Structure formats: C-alpha cells, structure tokens
Amino acid sequence: MFFRAEIIKGASFDPLFKIVFSYETDSVKIERGYAEVLRKAPRPLITYDSNTAEKLKLMDKAKLELELLNIVISYLMSKGISRSKKGNIVVNTA
C-alpha cells in the first residue's frame, strides 16, 4: 500500500478539513484524490470528490479513512490545542 496526503491549508478550518491524497493498493490507484473530513461527534464524516468516490465503490475504505483521520490529527497536534477561559477546547488552525 502507498499513501501520501496533505491538508489544503487555505481551504481547511476546524472542523472541516480538505485533503488531497494519493493512494495505491493492488486493486485501486488514485493519483490525486480529494476528501473532506468533518470533525463531528460521534464519528467524523468523510466525503470524496465524484471521481474518487467512483474508484472507491468496490473496496473497503476503512484503512484509507484511518489514514485520512491520522493526517487530520497530526495537523491538529502540530498547530496546538489549548483551553479558553471558560474551559472549552480551542484548536489553533490558522
């Protein structure tokens, strides 16, 4: 399996992240796919552009979605998380 992804920084703000990625397995090859990850409880929502969604119809997307969520978590951790005066969690994504 090959996977490479990058958050599109100008278009991504918490809780919606836009990701461009490349993904290759024995059965699927996506060179420039686009995904949107919406962080919401109880489970994040991941949507794909129409070309990518068409290629992913016949496969189990669990591993790809875990990799995409890992990219979002890494991005959030690199930008920092703090607490407001009221105790709410603030994610610094700008």
N, C-alpha and C. Protein backbone atom coordinates (compact mmCIF):
# COMPACT_ATOMS: atom_id res chain seq x y z
N MET A 1 0.84 -1.19 0.00
CA MET A 1 0.00 0.00 0.00
C MET A 1 0.88 1.24 0.00
N PHE A 2 0.48 2.23 -0.77
CA PHE A 2 1.14 3.52 -0.81
C PHE A 2 0.10 4.58 -0.46
N PHE A 3 0.48 5.50 0.42
CA PHE A 3 -0.43 6.58 0.81
C PHE A 3 0.37 7.84 1.06
N ARG A 4 -0.09 8.93 0.49
CA ARG A 4 0.51 10.26 0.72
C ARG A 4 -0.64 11.26 0.73
N ALA A 5 -0.62 12.16 1.71
CA ALA A 5 -1.71 13.13 1.81
C ALA A 5 -1.21 14.44 2.37
N GLU A 6 -1.98 15.49 2.07
CA GLU A 6 -1.64 16.84 2.55
C GLU A 6 -2.93 17.61 2.78
N ILE A 7 -2.97 18.32 3.89
CA ILE A 7 -4.11 19.20 4.19
C ILE A 7 -3.99 20.43 3.28
N ILE A 8 -5.08 20.83 2.66
CA ILE A 8 -5.11 22.06 1.85
C ILE A 8 -5.31 23.21 2.84
N LYS A 9 -4.23 23.90 3.16
CA LYS A 9 -4.24 24.85 4.27
C LYS A 9 -5.13 26.06 4.06
N GLY A 10 -5.20 26.61 2.89
CA GLY A 10 -6.03 27.80 2.67
C GLY A 10 -7.53 27.52 2.70
N ALA A 11 -7.90 26.26 2.54
CA ALA A 11 -9.32 25.90 2.47
C ALA A 11 -9.78 25.07 3.67
N SER A 12 -8.90 24.84 4.64
CA SER A 12 -9.23 23.97 5.77
C SER A 12 -9.25 24.76 7.07
N PHE A 13 -10.38 24.70 7.74
CA PHE A 13 -10.54 25.33 9.04
C PHE A 13 -11.32 24.36 9.92
N ASP A 14 -10.92 24.25 11.18
CA ASP A 14 -11.59 23.34 12.08
C ASP A 14 -13.06 23.69 12.19
N PRO A 15 -13.98 22.80 12.00
CA PRO A 15 -13.92 21.34 11.98
C PRO A 15 -13.90 20.71 10.59
N LEU A 16 -13.76 21.49 9.50
CA LEU A 16 -13.79 20.95 8.14
C LEU A 16 -12.39 21.03 7.53
N PHE A 17 -11.87 19.88 7.16
CA PHE A 17 -10.53 19.80 6.58
C PHE A 17 -10.62 19.23 5.17
N LYS A 18 -9.94 19.88 4.25
CA LYS A 18 -9.89 19.39 2.86
C LYS A 18 -8.50 18.81 2.64
N ILE A 19 -8.49 17.62 2.05
CA ILE A 19 -7.25 16.87 1.90
C ILE A 19 -7.09 16.43 0.46
N VAL A 20 -5.88 16.56 -0.06
CA VAL A 20 -5.53 15.99 -1.36
C VAL A 20 -4.62 14.80 -1.05
N PHE A 21 -4.86 13.67 -1.73
CA PHE A 21 -4.11 12.47 -1.39
C PHE A 21 -3.86 11.59 -2.61
N SER A 22 -2.86 10.72 -2.47
CA SER A 22 -2.58 9.65 -3.43
C SER A 22 -2.65 8.35 -2.66
N TYR A 23 -3.28 7.35 -3.27
CA TYR A 23 -3.49 6.08 -2.59
C TYR A 23 -3.39 4.98 -3.62
N GLU A 24 -2.62 3.93 -3.28
CA GLU A 24 -2.47 2.83 -4.23
C GLU A 24 -2.41 1.50 -3.47
N THR A 25 -3.20 0.57 -3.92
CA THR A 25 -3.16 -0.81 -3.44
C THR A 25 -3.10 -1.71 -4.68
N ASP A 26 -3.23 -3.00 -4.45
CA ASP A 26 -3.23 -3.93 -5.59
C ASP A 26 -4.44 -3.73 -6.50
N SER A 27 -5.56 -3.28 -5.91
CA SER A 27 -6.80 -3.19 -6.70
C SER A 27 -7.19 -1.76 -7.08
N VAL A 28 -6.66 -0.75 -6.40
CA VAL A 28 -7.07 0.64 -6.64
C VAL A 28 -5.85 1.55 -6.73
N LYS A 29 -5.92 2.49 -7.67
CA LYS A 29 -4.86 3.50 -7.77
C LYS A 29 -5.54 4.86 -7.95
N ILE A 30 -5.30 5.74 -6.99
CA ILE A 30 -5.83 7.11 -7.04
C ILE A 30 -4.63 8.03 -6.96
N GLU A 31 -4.40 8.80 -8.01
CA GLU A 31 -3.22 9.66 -8.05
C GLU A 31 -3.46 11.01 -7.40
N ARG A 32 -4.62 11.58 -7.56
CA ARG A 32 -4.90 12.89 -6.97
C ARG A 32 -6.37 12.91 -6.55
N GLY A 33 -6.63 12.33 -5.40
CA GLY A 33 -7.98 12.29 -4.87
C GLY A 33 -8.21 13.42 -3.88
N TYR A 34 -9.45 13.80 -3.73
CA TYR A 34 -9.81 14.86 -2.78
C TYR A 34 -10.83 14.32 -1.79
N ALA A 35 -10.61 14.67 -0.52
CA ALA A 35 -11.52 14.25 0.53
C ALA A 35 -11.78 15.42 1.45
N GLU A 36 -12.96 15.44 2.05
CA GLU A 36 -13.29 16.41 3.09
C GLU A 36 -13.59 15.63 4.36
N VAL A 37 -12.95 16.04 5.45
CA VAL A 37 -13.16 15.40 6.74
C VAL A 37 -13.83 16.43 7.64
N LEU A 38 -15.03 16.10 8.08
CA LEU A 38 -15.78 16.96 9.00
C LEU A 38 -15.73 16.32 10.38
N ARG A 39 -15.07 17.02 11.33
CA ARG A 39 -14.98 16.51 12.69
C ARG A 39 -16.29 16.80 13.41
N LYS A 40 -17.05 15.74 13.67
CA LYS A 40 -18.29 15.90 14.43
C LYS A 40 -18.56 14.61 15.19
N ALA A 41 -19.20 14.76 16.33
CA ALA A 41 -19.48 13.61 17.18
C ALA A 41 -20.69 12.87 16.64
N PRO A 42 -20.80 11.61 16.79
CA PRO A 42 -19.89 10.70 17.47
C PRO A 42 -18.80 10.15 16.55
N ARG A 43 -18.89 10.44 15.23
CA ARG A 43 -17.93 9.92 14.26
C ARG A 43 -17.68 10.97 13.19
N PRO A 44 -16.42 11.16 12.81
CA PRO A 44 -16.14 12.11 11.73
C PRO A 44 -16.80 11.66 10.43
N LEU A 45 -17.17 12.63 9.60
CA LEU A 45 -17.79 12.37 8.31
C LEU A 45 -16.76 12.63 7.21
N ILE A 46 -16.54 11.63 6.38
CA ILE A 46 -15.56 11.75 5.29
C ILE A 46 -16.31 11.64 3.97
N THR A 47 -16.13 12.66 3.11
CA THR A 47 -16.72 12.63 1.78
C THR A 47 -15.61 12.79 0.74
N TYR A 48 -15.85 12.23 -0.43
CA TYR A 48 -14.86 12.24 -1.50
C TYR A 48 -15.43 12.95 -2.72
N ASP A 49 -14.52 13.44 -3.58
CA ASP A 49 -14.99 14.00 -4.85
C ASP A 49 -15.54 12.86 -5.71
N SER A 50 -16.29 13.19 -6.73
CA SER A 50 -17.02 12.17 -7.51
C SER A 50 -16.09 11.14 -8.17
N ASN A 51 -14.96 11.57 -8.70
CA ASN A 51 -14.04 10.62 -9.35
C ASN A 51 -13.46 9.64 -8.35
N THR A 52 -13.07 10.15 -7.19
CA THR A 52 -12.51 9.29 -6.15
C THR A 52 -13.57 8.34 -5.60
N ALA A 53 -14.75 8.84 -5.36
CA ALA A 53 -15.83 8.00 -4.83
C ALA A 53 -16.15 6.86 -5.78
N GLU A 54 -16.10 7.12 -7.07
CA GLU A 54 -16.36 6.08 -8.07
C GLU A 54 -15.32 4.96 -7.98
N LYS A 55 -14.05 5.32 -7.81
CA LYS A 55 -12.99 4.32 -7.72
C LYS A 55 -13.06 3.53 -6.41
N LEU A 56 -13.58 4.15 -5.36
CA LEU A 56 -13.61 3.51 -4.05
C LEU A 56 -14.86 2.67 -3.80
N LYS A 57 -15.79 2.64 -4.73
CA LYS A 57 -17.05 1.90 -4.54
C LYS A 57 -16.84 0.42 -4.27
N LEU A 58 -15.89 -0.18 -4.91
CA LEU A 58 -15.73 -1.63 -4.83
C LEU A 58 -14.71 -2.09 -3.80
N MET A 59 -14.28 -1.21 -2.91
CA MET A 59 -13.27 -1.62 -1.93
C MET A 59 -13.66 -1.21 -0.53
N ASP A 60 -13.01 -1.80 0.44
CA ASP A 60 -13.20 -1.44 1.84
C ASP A 60 -12.40 -0.16 2.11
N LYS A 61 -13.09 0.89 2.52
CA LYS A 61 -12.46 2.19 2.70
C LYS A 61 -11.91 2.42 4.11
N ALA A 62 -12.01 1.43 4.98
CA ALA A 62 -11.64 1.62 6.39
C ALA A 62 -10.18 2.05 6.55
N LYS A 63 -9.25 1.39 5.88
CA LYS A 63 -7.83 1.73 6.01
C LYS A 63 -7.54 3.13 5.48
N LEU A 64 -8.12 3.47 4.34
CA LEU A 64 -7.94 4.81 3.78
C LEU A 64 -8.49 5.87 4.74
N GLU A 65 -9.66 5.62 5.30
CA GLU A 65 -10.26 6.60 6.21
C GLU A 65 -9.44 6.76 7.49
N LEU A 66 -8.86 5.68 7.99
CA LEU A 66 -7.97 5.79 9.14
C LEU A 66 -6.74 6.63 8.82
N GLU A 67 -6.20 6.46 7.64
CA GLU A 67 -5.04 7.25 7.22
C GLU A 67 -5.41 8.73 7.09
N LEU A 68 -6.58 9.02 6.54
CA LEU A 68 -7.02 10.41 6.41
C LEU A 68 -7.24 11.04 7.79
N LEU A 69 -7.85 10.30 8.71
CA LEU A 69 -8.04 10.82 10.07
C LEU A 69 -6.71 11.03 10.77
N ASN A 70 -5.74 10.17 10.51
CA ASN A 70 -4.41 10.32 11.08
C ASN A 70 -3.76 11.62 10.60
N ILE A 71 -3.95 11.97 9.34
CA ILE A 71 -3.41 13.22 8.79
C ILE A 71 -4.04 14.41 9.51
N VAL A 72 -5.35 14.37 9.73
CA VAL A 72 -6.05 15.46 10.42
C VAL A 72 -5.54 15.59 11.86
N ILE A 73 -5.40 14.46 12.55
CA ILE A 73 -4.92 14.50 13.93
C ILE A 73 -3.50 15.04 14.00
N SER A 74 -2.65 14.61 13.10
CA SER A 74 -1.27 15.12 13.07
C SER A 74 -1.25 16.62 12.83
N TYR A 75 -2.10 17.09 11.94
CA TYR A 75 -2.19 18.52 11.64
C TYR A 75 -2.65 19.30 12.87
N LEU A 76 -3.67 18.78 13.54
CA LEU A 76 -4.18 19.46 14.74
C LEU A 76 -3.13 19.50 15.85
N MET A 77 -2.42 18.41 16.02
CA MET A 77 -1.41 18.36 17.07
C MET A 77 -0.23 19.29 16.75
N SER A 78 0.09 19.46 15.49
CA SER A 78 1.19 20.35 15.14
C SER A 78 0.81 21.82 15.31
N LYS A 79 -0.49 22.13 15.16
CA LYS A 79 -0.94 23.51 15.32
C LYS A 79 -1.20 23.88 16.78
N GLY A 80 -1.48 22.90 17.60
CA GLY A 80 -1.67 23.15 19.01
C GLY A 80 -3.12 23.17 19.44
N ILE A 81 -3.34 22.72 20.66
CA ILE A 81 -4.66 22.70 21.26
C ILE A 81 -4.54 23.38 22.62
N SER A 82 -5.44 24.27 22.93
CA SER A 82 -5.40 24.97 24.21
C SER A 82 -6.81 25.05 24.78
N ARG A 83 -6.95 25.64 25.95
CA ARG A 83 -8.25 25.82 26.57
C ARG A 83 -8.57 27.29 26.70
N SER A 84 -9.85 27.63 26.50
CA SER A 84 -10.29 29.01 26.66
C SER A 84 -10.49 29.29 28.14
N LYS A 85 -10.81 30.55 28.47
CA LYS A 85 -11.05 30.93 29.87
C LYS A 85 -12.22 30.18 30.45
N LYS A 86 -13.17 29.80 29.61
CA LYS A 86 -14.35 29.05 30.07
C LYS A 86 -14.09 27.55 30.13
N GLY A 87 -12.92 27.10 29.73
CA GLY A 87 -12.59 25.69 29.78
C GLY A 87 -12.85 24.93 28.50
N ASN A 88 -13.33 25.60 27.48
CA ASN A 88 -13.58 24.93 26.20
C ASN A 88 -12.27 24.64 25.48
N ILE A 89 -12.27 23.58 24.68
CA ILE A 89 -11.08 23.26 23.91
C ILE A 89 -11.03 24.15 22.68
N VAL A 90 -9.87 24.75 22.45
CA VAL A 90 -9.66 25.62 21.29
C VAL A 90 -8.57 25.00 20.44
N VAL A 91 -8.86 24.77 19.17
CA VAL A 91 -7.89 24.24 18.25
C VAL A 91 -7.36 25.37 17.40
N ASN A 92 -6.05 25.57 17.44
CA ASN A 92 -5.43 26.66 16.69
C ASN A 92 -5.08 26.15 15.30
N THR A 93 -5.88 26.48 14.29
CA THR A 93 -5.62 26.00 12.94
C THR A 93 -5.21 27.11 11.98
N ALA A 94 -5.22 28.33 12.40
CA ALA A 94 -4.87 29.42 11.50
C ALA A 94 -3.38 29.62 11.42
